Amino acid sequence: MAGSIFRLTEIKEVNGIWTIRLVLCREEENDLRALYVHMTKKKTSTITLLILGSALSESGKFNQAERFLQKMLQELPSNDYSSLAESYQGLAIIFADRGDYEVSLVWNQKALELLRQKLSPDHLDIAFYL
């Protein structure tokens, strides 16, 4: 469920098989209300190169996904820090999926540093990238 918030209730391992129990959170749950509101504000109705890059990455087309995200980085204005950070994070995911964890870490740190420069330390976007 895209855009849904789940509460992790249990993690256990039995005979090498991991089971994770999640519970779908209701919108009114107070302790997750701020996160829910933040996530719903970030939803977009337009298809961007970032969304296309993410879809290509999820389908295993990493080279094409990287091209779209690199193109997005070239087209974004330097003051659109949120989209820049998302693009950096998208590249981090692509390189992690390829097994290139060092490059993935560089992109992830770049996203985190950008957000730390622009946002307060307790902002929810920063928590996402940690």
C-alpha atoms as a PDB file:
ATOM      1  CA  MET A   1       0.000   0.000   0.000  1.00  0.00           C
ATOM      2  CA  ALA A   2       1.788   3.089  -1.215  1.00  0.00           C
ATOM      3  CA  GLY A   3       1.730   5.918   1.296  1.00  0.00           C
ATOM      4  CA  SER A   4       0.598   3.690   4.157  1.00  0.00           C
ATOM      5  CA  ILE A   5       2.216   3.658   7.567  1.00  0.00           C
ATOM      6  CA  PHE A   6       2.784   0.388   9.375  1.00  0.00           C
ATOM      7  CA  ARG A   7       3.782  -0.188  12.990  1.00  0.00           C
ATOM      8  CA  LEU A   8       6.427  -2.848  13.471  1.00  0.00           C
ATOM      9  CA  THR A   9       5.137  -5.062  16.284  1.00  0.00           C
ATOM     10  CA  GLU A  10       7.408  -8.103  16.241  1.00  0.00           C
ATOM     11  CA  ILE A  11      10.549  -9.486  14.622  1.00  0.00           C
ATOM     12  CA  LYS A  12      11.561 -13.079  15.221  1.00  0.00           C
ATOM     13  CA  GLU A  13      13.755 -15.721  13.653  1.00  0.00           C
ATOM     14  CA  VAL A  14      12.912 -19.410  13.739  1.00  0.00           C
ATOM     15  CA  ASN A  15      15.154 -21.949  11.996  1.00  0.00           C
ATOM     16  CA  GLY A  16      16.727 -19.297   9.782  1.00  0.00           C
ATOM     17  CA  ILE A  17      13.401 -17.816   8.657  1.00  0.00           C
ATOM     18  CA  TRP A  18      12.659 -14.270   9.723  1.00  0.00           C
ATOM     19  CA  THR A  19       9.106 -13.173  10.406  1.00  0.00           C
ATOM     20  CA  ILE A  20       8.192  -9.516  10.700  1.00  0.00           C
ATOM     21  CA  ARG A  21       4.748  -8.612  11.965  1.00  0.00           C
ATOM     22  CA  LEU A  22       3.365  -5.266  10.817  1.00  0.00           C
ATOM     23  CA  VAL A  23       0.101  -3.581  11.717  1.00  0.00           C
ATOM     24  CA  LEU A  24      -1.478  -1.020   9.419  1.00  0.00           C
ATOM     25  CA  CYS A  25      -1.818   2.212  11.374  1.00  0.00           C
ATOM     26  CA  ARG A  26      -4.984   4.230  11.436  1.00  0.00           C
ATOM     27  CA  GLU A  27      -4.839   7.870  10.454  1.00  0.00           C
ATOM     28  CA  GLU A  28      -5.906   8.959  13.914  1.00  0.00           C
ATOM     29  CA  GLU A  29      -3.062   7.287  15.836  1.00  0.00           C
ATOM     30  CA  ASN A  30      -1.580  10.271  17.658  1.00  0.00           C
ATOM     31  CA  ASP A  31       2.034   9.135  17.943  1.00  0.00           C
ATOM     32  CA  LEU A  32       2.287   8.726  14.154  1.00  0.00           C
ATOM     33  CA  ARG A  33       0.037  11.637  13.178  1.00  0.00           C
ATOM     34  CA  ALA A  34       2.934  14.006  12.387  1.00  0.00           C
ATOM     35  CA  LEU A  35       4.576  11.411  10.138  1.00  0.00           C
ATOM     36  CA  TYR A  36       1.296  10.654   8.389  1.00  0.00           C
ATOM     37  CA  VAL A  37       0.580  14.340   7.705  1.00  0.00           C
ATOM     38  CA  HIS A  38       4.141  14.860   6.456  1.00  0.00           C
ATOM     39  CA  MET A  39       3.967  11.892   4.067  1.00  0.00           C
ATOM     40  CA  THR A  40       0.593  12.895   2.615  1.00  0.00           C
ATOM     41  CA  LYS A  41       1.894  16.410   1.902  1.00  0.00           C
ATOM     42  CA  LYS A  42       4.815  14.942  -0.068  1.00  0.00           C
ATOM     43  CA  LYS A  43       2.583  12.979  -2.460  1.00  0.00           C
ATOM     44  CA  THR A  44       2.636  14.235  -6.023  1.00  0.00           C
ATOM     45  CA  SER A  45       0.147  13.724  -8.801  1.00  0.00           C
ATOM     46  CA  THR A  46       2.568  14.319 -11.650  1.00  0.00           C
ATOM     47  CA  ILE A  47       4.964  11.812 -13.137  1.00  0.00           C
ATOM     48  CA  THR A  48       8.499  13.100 -12.810  1.00  0.00           C
ATOM     49  CA  LEU A  49      11.824  11.754 -13.953  1.00  0.00           C
ATOM     50  CA  LEU A  50      12.347  10.776 -10.310  1.00  0.00           C
ATOM     51  CA  ILE A  51       9.239   8.574 -10.313  1.00  0.00           C
ATOM     52  CA  LEU A  52      10.176   7.108 -13.682  1.00  0.00           C
ATOM     53  CA  GLY A  53      13.727   6.456 -12.448  1.00  0.00           C
ATOM     54  CA  SER A  54      12.389   4.730  -9.342  1.00  0.00           C
ATOM     55  CA  ALA A  55      10.070   2.540 -11.408  1.00  0.00           C
ATOM     56  CA  LEU A  56      12.918   1.541 -13.726  1.00  0.00           C
ATOM     57  CA  SER A  57      15.142   0.762 -10.744  1.00  0.00           C
ATOM     58  CA  GLU A  58      12.478  -1.435  -9.161  1.00  0.00           C
ATOM     59  CA  SER A  59      12.158  -3.359 -12.435  1.00  0.00           C
ATOM     60  CA  GLY A  60      15.925  -3.976 -12.486  1.00  0.00           C
ATOM     61  CA  LYS A  61      16.735  -1.511 -15.280  1.00  0.00           C
ATOM     62  CA  PHE A  62      19.445   0.220 -13.268  1.00  0.00           C
ATOM     63  CA  ASN A  63      21.328   1.877 -16.133  1.00  0.00           C
ATOM     64  CA  GLN A  64      18.182   3.519 -17.477  1.00  0.00           C
ATOM     65  CA  ALA A  65      17.113   4.533 -13.979  1.00  0.00           C
ATOM     66  CA  GLU A  66      20.482   6.124 -13.321  1.00  0.00           C
ATOM     67  CA  ARG A  67      20.253   8.073 -16.595  1.00  0.00           C
ATOM     68  CA  PHE A  68      16.827   9.465 -15.674  1.00  0.00           C
ATOM     69  CA  LEU A  69      17.963  10.480 -12.195  1.00  0.00           C
ATOM     70  CA  GLN A  70      21.150  12.089 -13.518  1.00  0.00           C
ATOM     71  CA  LYS A  71      19.031  14.008 -16.043  1.00  0.00           C
ATOM     72  CA  MET A  72      16.719  15.084 -13.254  1.00  0.00           C
ATOM     73  CA  LEU A  73      19.680  16.405 -11.280  1.00  0.00           C
ATOM     74  CA  GLN A  74      20.726  18.504 -14.283  1.00  0.00           C
ATOM     75  CA  GLU A  75      17.245  19.977 -14.683  1.00  0.00           C
ATOM     76  CA  LEU A  76      16.448  20.738 -11.052  1.00  0.00           C
ATOM     77  CA  PRO A  77      16.984  24.252  -9.738  1.00  0.00           C
ATOM     78  CA  SER A  78      19.638  24.415  -7.026  1.00  0.00           C
ATOM     79  CA  ASN A  79      17.081  25.678  -4.479  1.00  0.00           C
ATOM     80  CA  ASP A  80      14.807  22.613  -4.848  1.00  0.00           C
ATOM     81  CA  TYR A  81      16.611  20.795  -2.049  1.00  0.00           C
ATOM     82  CA  SER A  82      13.804  18.295  -1.456  1.00  0.00           C
ATOM     83  CA  SER A  83      13.840  16.966  -5.036  1.00  0.00           C
ATOM     84  CA  LEU A  84      17.639  17.054  -5.112  1.00  0.00           C
ATOM     85  CA  ALA A  85      17.777  14.962  -1.936  1.00  0.00           C
ATOM     86  CA  GLU A  86      15.215  12.512  -3.364  1.00  0.00           C
ATOM     87  CA  SER A  87      17.282  12.198  -6.538  1.00  0.00           C
ATOM     88  CA  TYR A  88      20.448  11.563  -4.521  1.00  0.00           C
ATOM     89  CA  GLN A  89      18.583   8.948  -2.499  1.00  0.00           C
ATOM     90  CA  GLY A  90      17.295   7.335  -5.710  1.00  0.00           C
ATOM     91  CA  LEU A  91      20.868   7.051  -6.970  1.00  0.00           C
ATOM     92  CA  ALA A  92      21.911   5.608  -3.609  1.00  0.00           C
ATOM     93  CA  ILE A  93      19.271   2.905  -3.960  1.00  0.00           C
ATOM     94  CA  ILE A  94      20.325   2.091  -7.523  1.00  0.00           C
ATOM     95  CA  PHE A  95      23.965   1.654  -6.532  1.00  0.00           C
ATOM     96  CA  ALA A  96      23.016  -0.420  -3.489  1.00  0.00           C
ATOM     97  CA  ASP A  97      20.875  -2.665  -5.704  1.00  0.00           C
ATOM     98  CA  ARG A  98      23.896  -3.066  -8.005  1.00  0.00           C
ATOM     99  CA  GLY A  99      25.998  -4.042  -4.987  1.00  0.00           C
ATOM    100  CA  ASP A 100      28.171  -0.901  -5.134  1.00  0.00           C
ATOM    101  CA  TYR A 101      27.671   0.058  -1.490  1.00  0.00           C
ATOM    102  CA  GLU A 102      30.488   2.590  -1.307  1.00  0.00           C
ATOM    103  CA  VAL A 103      29.001   4.722  -4.093  1.00  0.00           C
ATOM    104  CA  SER A 104      25.541   4.205  -2.601  1.00  0.00           C
ATOM    105  CA  LEU A 105      26.767   5.539   0.723  1.00  0.00           C
ATOM    106  CA  VAL A 106      28.254   8.620  -0.980  1.00  0.00           C
ATOM    107  CA  TRP A 107      24.901   9.476  -2.594  1.00  0.00           C
ATOM    108  CA  ASN A 108      22.996   8.835   0.631  1.00  0.00           C
ATOM    109  CA  GLN A 109      25.379  11.055   2.608  1.00  0.00           C
ATOM    110  CA  LYS A 110      25.042  13.771  -0.025  1.00  0.00           C
ATOM    111  CA  ALA A 111      21.250  13.707   0.419  1.00  0.00           C
ATOM    112  CA  LEU A 112      21.546  13.773   4.191  1.00  0.00           C
ATOM    113  CA  GLU A 113      24.043  16.651   4.213  1.00  0.00           C
ATOM    114  CA  LEU A 114      21.860  18.721   1.896  1.00  0.00           C
ATOM    115  CA  LEU A 115      18.861  18.248   4.163  1.00  0.00           C
ATOM    116  CA  ARG A 116      20.887  18.986   7.288  1.00  0.00           C
ATOM    117  CA  GLN A 117      21.907  22.319   5.735  1.00  0.00           C
ATOM    118  CA  LYS A 118      18.333  23.269   4.871  1.00  0.00           C
ATOM    119  CA  LEU A 119      16.172  21.766   7.623  1.00  0.00           C
ATOM    120  CA  SER A 120      15.990  21.735  11.392  1.00  0.00           C
ATOM    121  CA  PRO A 121      17.664  18.730  13.073  1.00  0.00           C
ATOM    122  CA  ASP A 122      14.302  17.256  14.134  1.00  0.00           C
ATOM    123  CA  HIS A 123      12.658  17.505  10.688  1.00  0.00           C
ATOM    124  CA  LEU A 124      11.013  14.279   9.512  1.00  0.00           C
ATOM    125  CA  ASP A 125      12.839  14.281   6.149  1.00  0.00           C
ATOM    126  CA  ILE A 126      16.176  13.989   7.954  1.00  0.00           C
ATOM    127  CA  ALA A 127      14.953  10.951   9.891  1.00  0.00           C
ATOM    128  CA  PHE A 128      14.053   9.283   6.588  1.00  0.00           C
ATOM    129  CA  TYR A 129      17.642   9.449   5.333  1.00  0.00           C
ATOM    130  CA  LEU A 130      19.317   8.219   8.531  1.00  0.00           C
END
